[in-house]
Amino acid sequence: MVVFISISFLLAVFLIIIYYRDRRKLKRLNQQVNESNKQLRELNNTKDKFFSIIAHDLRSPFDALLGLLTELDENYETFDEAFKKEIIKSLRKSSHNTYNLLVNLLDWSRSQRGMIKNEPEKVNVSLIIHKVFDFLETRAQEKQQQLIVETDSSLHVYADPQLLQNVLINLVNNSIKFTAVGGKIRATATLQEEIIRICVKDNGIGIPEKKIPHLFSIDGDTHRKGTESELGTGLGLVMCKEFVEIMGGSISVESEEGRGSTFCVTLPSV
């Protein structure tokens, strides 16, 4: 009788162990399935965004370019010099917008395929900000905007220089886009407990509160035109977040509609 009870007890314990082991396995499988479903949804959103950009955000500016070129080609002799100059100015503006869209699209495509490599090194923050401002100076001049650098020239950050430059170009270009004629864009950098905080601040139109939580999300509805009807897809900020995270940093935003925006990137100092 004692032997039977002992065997029954051991069998019960064995069955309980099997039950809980199988339950843990099932839980892990469910977690894996949920994670796979999440990744599939993200991939689907990425695909939808990609086709949306190609179908609309790239097609529209090319339609505008072709329309202006056709007008200039067919009616060149009838236009006075002032009107020709206006068309050329419009062509330049549209070409610049389209170029920015293409660059962001290609960079984002590379990041989605895992082709972006992080090769960090000692980078002078002031120097890279000045390079970004020099690159975008013509754009700012078109809107009579001031580009202001406020940083210690001795500050260095440990980051991939190309990735950091791409991030700052996108942030400053956004500020130019969403700041009216005569506005100001400031780039600052500070050292906080072995962390470098680089911020791009403008006195532009700001961001509606309901859009802020979705700024860095691929499926967020953040599509807006700039103060001079500049085009945008919202893709630049998504890419900025991915690049910053590849470098081991973080990105944040503070904004109030009508009072400007501040985007800050934190990265390790040297």
Protein backbone atom coordinates (compact mmCIF):
# COMPACT_ATOMS: atom_id res chain seq x y z
CA MET A 1 0.00 0.00 0.00
CA VAL A 2 2.83 2.37 0.91
CA VAL A 3 4.60 1.49 -2.33
CA PHE A 4 1.43 2.20 -4.34
CA ILE A 5 0.94 5.59 -2.65
CA SER A 6 4.59 6.48 -3.23
CA ILE A 7 4.39 5.54 -6.90
CA SER A 8 1.14 7.48 -7.27
CA PHE A 9 2.71 10.51 -5.62
CA LEU A 10 5.79 10.36 -7.84
CA LEU A 11 3.59 9.95 -10.91
CA ALA A 12 1.49 12.94 -9.89
CA VAL A 13 4.64 15.04 -9.36
CA PHE A 14 5.96 13.90 -12.75
CA LEU A 15 2.69 14.82 -14.47
CA ILE A 16 2.65 18.24 -12.77
CA ILE A 17 6.24 18.88 -13.90
CA ILE A 18 5.34 17.92 -17.47
CA TYR A 19 2.23 20.11 -17.32
CA TYR A 20 4.10 23.21 -16.17
CA ARG A 21 6.98 22.56 -18.57
CA ASP A 22 4.56 22.27 -21.50
CA ARG A 23 2.74 25.35 -20.25
CA ARG A 24 5.99 27.34 -20.26
CA LYS A 25 6.76 26.07 -23.76
CA LEU A 26 3.31 27.11 -24.94
CA LYS A 27 3.76 30.54 -23.37
CA ARG A 28 7.10 30.97 -25.13
CA LEU A 29 5.56 29.87 -28.41
CA ASN A 30 2.71 32.36 -27.98
CA GLN A 31 5.24 35.11 -27.27
CA GLN A 32 7.19 34.17 -30.39
CA VAL A 33 4.01 34.15 -32.48
CA ASN A 34 2.98 37.56 -31.09
CA GLU A 35 6.46 38.94 -31.82
CA SER A 36 6.35 37.52 -35.35
CA ASN A 37 2.92 39.05 -35.91
CA LYS A 38 4.22 42.40 -34.64
CA GLN A 39 7.19 42.24 -37.03
CA LEU A 40 4.87 41.32 -39.91
CA ARG A 41 2.65 44.30 -39.13
CA GLU A 42 5.69 46.58 -39.04
CA LEU A 43 6.94 45.18 -42.34
CA ASN A 44 3.50 45.67 -43.87
CA ASN A 45 3.39 49.27 -42.61
CA THR A 46 6.88 49.82 -44.02
CA LYS A 47 5.83 48.41 -47.39
CA ASP A 48 2.66 50.55 -47.45
CA LYS A 49 4.69 53.66 -46.55
CA PHE A 50 7.24 52.88 -49.24
CA PHE A 51 4.62 52.53 -51.97
CA SER A 52 2.76 55.60 -50.72
CA ILE A 53 5.90 57.70 -51.06
CA ILE A 54 6.60 56.41 -54.56
CA ALA A 55 2.98 56.74 -55.71
CA HIS A 56 2.24 60.17 -54.27
CA ASP A 57 5.09 62.02 -52.58
CA LEU A 58 7.54 61.45 -55.43
CA ARG A 59 5.09 61.48 -58.32
CA SER A 60 3.60 64.87 -57.40
CA PRO A 61 6.86 66.86 -57.47
CA PHE A 62 7.93 65.20 -60.71
CA ASP A 63 4.56 66.15 -62.24
CA ALA A 64 5.22 69.74 -61.14
CA LEU A 65 8.73 69.69 -62.62
CA LEU A 66 7.52 68.32 -65.94
CA GLY A 67 4.69 70.85 -66.05
CA LEU A 68 7.04 73.80 -65.51
CA LEU A 69 9.57 72.50 -68.04
CA THR A 70 6.84 71.95 -70.64
CA GLU A 71 5.52 75.47 -70.08
CA LEU A 72 9.01 76.93 -70.46
CA ASP A 73 9.77 74.85 -73.56
CA GLU A 74 6.52 75.58 -75.42
CA ASN A 75 6.14 79.25 -74.55
CA TYR A 76 9.71 80.44 -74.03
CA GLU A 77 9.58 83.19 -76.67
CA THR A 78 6.34 84.67 -75.34
CA PHE A 79 7.51 85.02 -71.71
CA ASP A 80 9.33 88.11 -70.49
CA GLU A 81 12.61 87.73 -68.58
CA ALA A 82 11.02 88.30 -65.17
CA PHE A 83 8.52 85.48 -65.69
CA LYS A 84 11.24 83.14 -67.00
CA LYS A 85 13.25 83.84 -63.87
CA GLU A 86 10.25 82.99 -61.67
CA ILE A 87 9.80 79.67 -63.47
CA ILE A 88 13.50 78.85 -63.07
CA LYS A 89 13.25 79.73 -59.38
CA SER A 90 10.25 77.39 -59.03
CA LEU A 91 12.13 74.65 -60.87
CA ARG A 92 15.08 75.00 -58.50
CA LYS A 93 12.84 74.88 -55.43
CA SER A 94 10.90 71.86 -56.68
CA SER A 95 14.13 70.07 -57.65
CA HIS A 96 15.60 70.64 -54.19
CA ASN A 97 12.48 69.30 -52.47
CA THR A 98 12.42 66.24 -54.72
CA TYR A 99 16.11 65.61 -54.13
CA ASN A 100 15.61 65.67 -50.35
CA LEU A 101 12.76 63.18 -50.67
CA LEU A 102 14.88 60.84 -52.76
CA VAL A 103 17.87 61.02 -50.41
CA ASN A 104 15.68 60.20 -47.40
CA LEU A 105 13.96 57.40 -49.27
CA LEU A 106 17.25 55.82 -50.36
CA ASP A 107 18.85 56.15 -46.91
CA TRP A 108 15.77 54.70 -45.24
CA SER A 109 15.71 51.83 -47.74
CA ARG A 110 19.34 51.04 -46.89
CA SER A 111 18.59 51.07 -43.16
CA GLN A 112 15.66 48.67 -43.64
CA ARG A 113 17.96 46.21 -45.42
CA GLY A 114 20.54 46.39 -42.63
CA MET A 115 23.10 48.13 -44.86
CA ILE A 116 23.78 51.02 -42.47
CA LYS A 117 26.97 50.43 -40.47
CA ASN A 118 27.98 52.28 -37.32
CA GLU A 119 31.66 53.23 -37.41
CA PRO A 120 32.10 55.56 -34.41
CA GLU A 121 35.08 57.81 -33.88
CA LYS A 122 36.01 61.02 -32.08
CA VAL A 123 33.99 63.81 -33.72
CA ASN A 124 34.25 67.54 -33.05
CA VAL A 125 30.65 68.65 -32.47
CA SER A 126 31.14 72.29 -33.44
CA LEU A 127 32.89 71.32 -36.67
CA ILE A 128 30.15 68.93 -37.80
CA ILE A 129 27.40 71.47 -36.99
CA HIS A 130 29.20 74.09 -39.08
CA LYS A 131 29.48 71.58 -41.95
CA VAL A 132 25.73 70.96 -41.76
CA PHE A 133 24.97 74.70 -41.69
CA ASP A 134 27.29 75.29 -44.66
CA PHE A 135 25.47 72.55 -46.58
CA LEU A 136 22.05 74.11 -45.88
CA GLU A 137 23.05 77.78 -45.96
CA THR A 138 21.53 78.43 -49.40
CA ARG A 139 18.20 76.96 -48.26
CA ALA A 140 18.19 79.21 -45.19
CA GLN A 141 19.14 82.27 -47.24
CA GLU A 142 16.18 81.68 -49.55
CA LYS A 143 13.95 82.20 -46.51
CA GLN A 144 16.18 84.92 -44.98
CA GLN A 145 16.72 82.78 -41.90
CA GLN A 146 19.59 82.94 -39.40
CA LEU A 147 21.60 79.81 -38.61
CA ILE A 148 23.20 80.16 -35.19
CA VAL A 149 25.79 77.86 -33.58
CA GLU A 150 26.05 77.91 -29.78
CA THR A 151 28.55 75.30 -28.67
CA ASP A 152 32.00 74.93 -27.15
CA SER A 153 34.52 74.21 -29.92
CA SER A 154 36.32 71.74 -27.62
CA LEU A 155 33.34 69.36 -27.27
CA HIS A 156 33.73 65.94 -28.88
CA VAL A 157 31.27 63.10 -29.29
CA TYR A 158 31.86 59.39 -29.94
CA ALA A 159 29.74 58.75 -33.02
CA ASP A 160 29.72 57.82 -36.69
CA PRO A 161 30.39 61.16 -38.43
CA GLN A 162 28.33 60.37 -41.53
CA LEU A 163 25.32 59.11 -39.58
CA LEU A 164 25.47 62.09 -37.22
CA GLN A 165 25.74 64.51 -40.13
CA ASN A 166 22.73 62.89 -41.85
CA VAL A 167 20.69 63.19 -38.64
CA LEU A 168 21.57 66.87 -38.16
CA ILE A 169 20.94 67.69 -41.84
CA ASN A 170 17.44 66.26 -41.49
CA LEU A 171 16.75 68.11 -38.23
CA VAL A 172 18.06 71.48 -39.49
CA ASN A 173 16.32 71.05 -42.85
CA ASN A 174 13.07 70.40 -40.98
CA SER A 175 13.56 73.58 -38.96
CA ILE A 176 14.15 75.57 -42.15
CA LYS A 177 11.07 74.01 -43.71
CA PHE A 178 8.72 74.75 -40.81
CA THR A 179 10.08 78.18 -39.91
CA ALA A 180 8.76 81.29 -41.64
CA VAL A 181 10.82 83.85 -43.56
CA GLY A 182 13.15 85.74 -41.21
CA GLY A 183 13.16 83.03 -38.54
CA LYS A 184 16.06 81.67 -36.47
CA ILE A 185 17.48 78.16 -36.16
CA ARG A 186 19.95 77.45 -33.34
CA ALA A 187 22.18 74.42 -32.86
CA THR A 188 23.52 73.89 -29.35
CA ALA A 189 25.66 71.23 -27.71
CA THR A 190 26.29 70.61 -24.01
CA LEU A 191 28.11 68.02 -21.92
CA GLN A 192 25.99 66.35 -19.23
CA GLU A 193 27.62 63.53 -17.22
CA GLU A 194 29.64 62.02 -20.09
CA ILE A 195 26.72 62.51 -22.47
CA ILE A 196 26.71 65.06 -25.29
CA ARG A 197 23.32 66.65 -25.91
CA ILE A 198 22.97 68.25 -29.35
CA CYS A 199 19.80 70.28 -29.93
CA VAL A 200 18.29 72.00 -32.97
CA LYS A 201 15.85 74.72 -31.94
CA ASP A 202 13.68 76.96 -34.12
CA ASN A 203 10.99 79.60 -33.70
CA GLY A 204 8.79 78.10 -36.38
CA ILE A 205 5.18 76.97 -36.54
CA GLY A 206 5.64 74.14 -34.05
CA ILE A 207 3.92 70.77 -34.03
CA PRO A 208 0.30 70.00 -33.11
CA GLU A 209 0.21 68.17 -29.78
CA LYS A 210 -1.65 65.18 -31.21
CA LYS A 211 1.10 64.59 -33.79
CA ILE A 212 4.07 64.60 -31.40
CA PRO A 213 3.69 60.97 -30.14
CA HIS A 214 3.76 59.73 -33.75
CA LEU A 215 6.69 61.75 -35.12
CA PHE A 216 9.18 58.87 -35.02
CA SER A 217 6.74 56.15 -36.09
CA ILE A 218 6.55 54.85 -39.65
CA ASP A 219 2.77 54.53 -39.50
CA GLY A 220 2.20 57.93 -37.87
CA ASP A 221 0.17 60.59 -39.67
CA THR A 222 2.75 63.39 -39.63
CA HIS A 223 2.67 64.50 -43.28
CA ARG A 224 2.72 68.33 -43.51
CA LYS A 225 3.87 71.03 -45.90
CA GLY A 226 6.36 73.68 -44.86
CA THR A 227 5.74 77.41 -44.52
CA GLU A 228 6.54 77.88 -48.23
CA SER A 229 4.67 74.70 -49.28
CA GLU A 230 7.83 72.57 -49.08
CA LEU A 231 7.10 68.89 -49.44
CA GLY A 232 7.69 66.29 -46.76
CA THR A 233 6.90 62.66 -45.98
CA GLY A 234 7.69 62.46 -42.26
CA LEU A 235 10.28 59.84 -43.21
CA GLY A 236 13.24 61.99 -42.17
CA LEU A 237 12.44 61.83 -38.45
CA VAL A 238 11.85 58.07 -38.58
CA MET A 239 15.27 57.70 -40.18
CA CYS A 240 16.84 60.06 -37.61
CA LYS A 241 15.59 57.86 -34.78
CA GLU A 242 16.94 54.72 -36.45
CA PHE A 243 20.36 56.29 -37.09
CA VAL A 244 20.64 57.69 -33.56
CA GLU A 245 19.73 54.32 -32.04
CA ILE A 246 22.28 52.58 -34.30
CA MET A 247 24.87 54.91 -32.71
CA GLY A 248 23.64 53.97 -29.22
CA GLY A 249 21.90 57.27 -28.50
CA SER A 250 18.41 58.68 -28.16
CA ILE A 251 16.32 61.46 -29.70
CA SER A 252 13.56 63.59 -28.16
CA VAL A 253 11.36 66.54 -29.07
CA GLU A 254 9.68 69.44 -27.32
CA SER A 255 7.27 71.59 -29.29
CA GLU A 256 4.33 73.91 -28.94
CA GLU A 257 2.17 74.84 -31.90
CA GLY A 258 2.94 78.38 -33.00
CA ARG A 259 6.05 78.66 -30.79
CA GLY A 260 8.65 76.47 -32.45
CA SER A 261 10.28 73.10 -31.84
CA THR A 262 13.42 71.69 -30.23
CA PHE A 263 14.84 68.31 -31.26
CA CYS A 264 17.65 66.90 -29.11
CA VAL A 265 20.03 64.01 -29.73
CA THR A 266 22.05 62.46 -26.89
CA LEU A 267 25.24 60.50 -27.60
CA PRO A 268 28.23 59.40 -25.51
CA SER A 269 31.12 61.84 -25.20
CA VAL A 270 34.67 60.75 -25.94
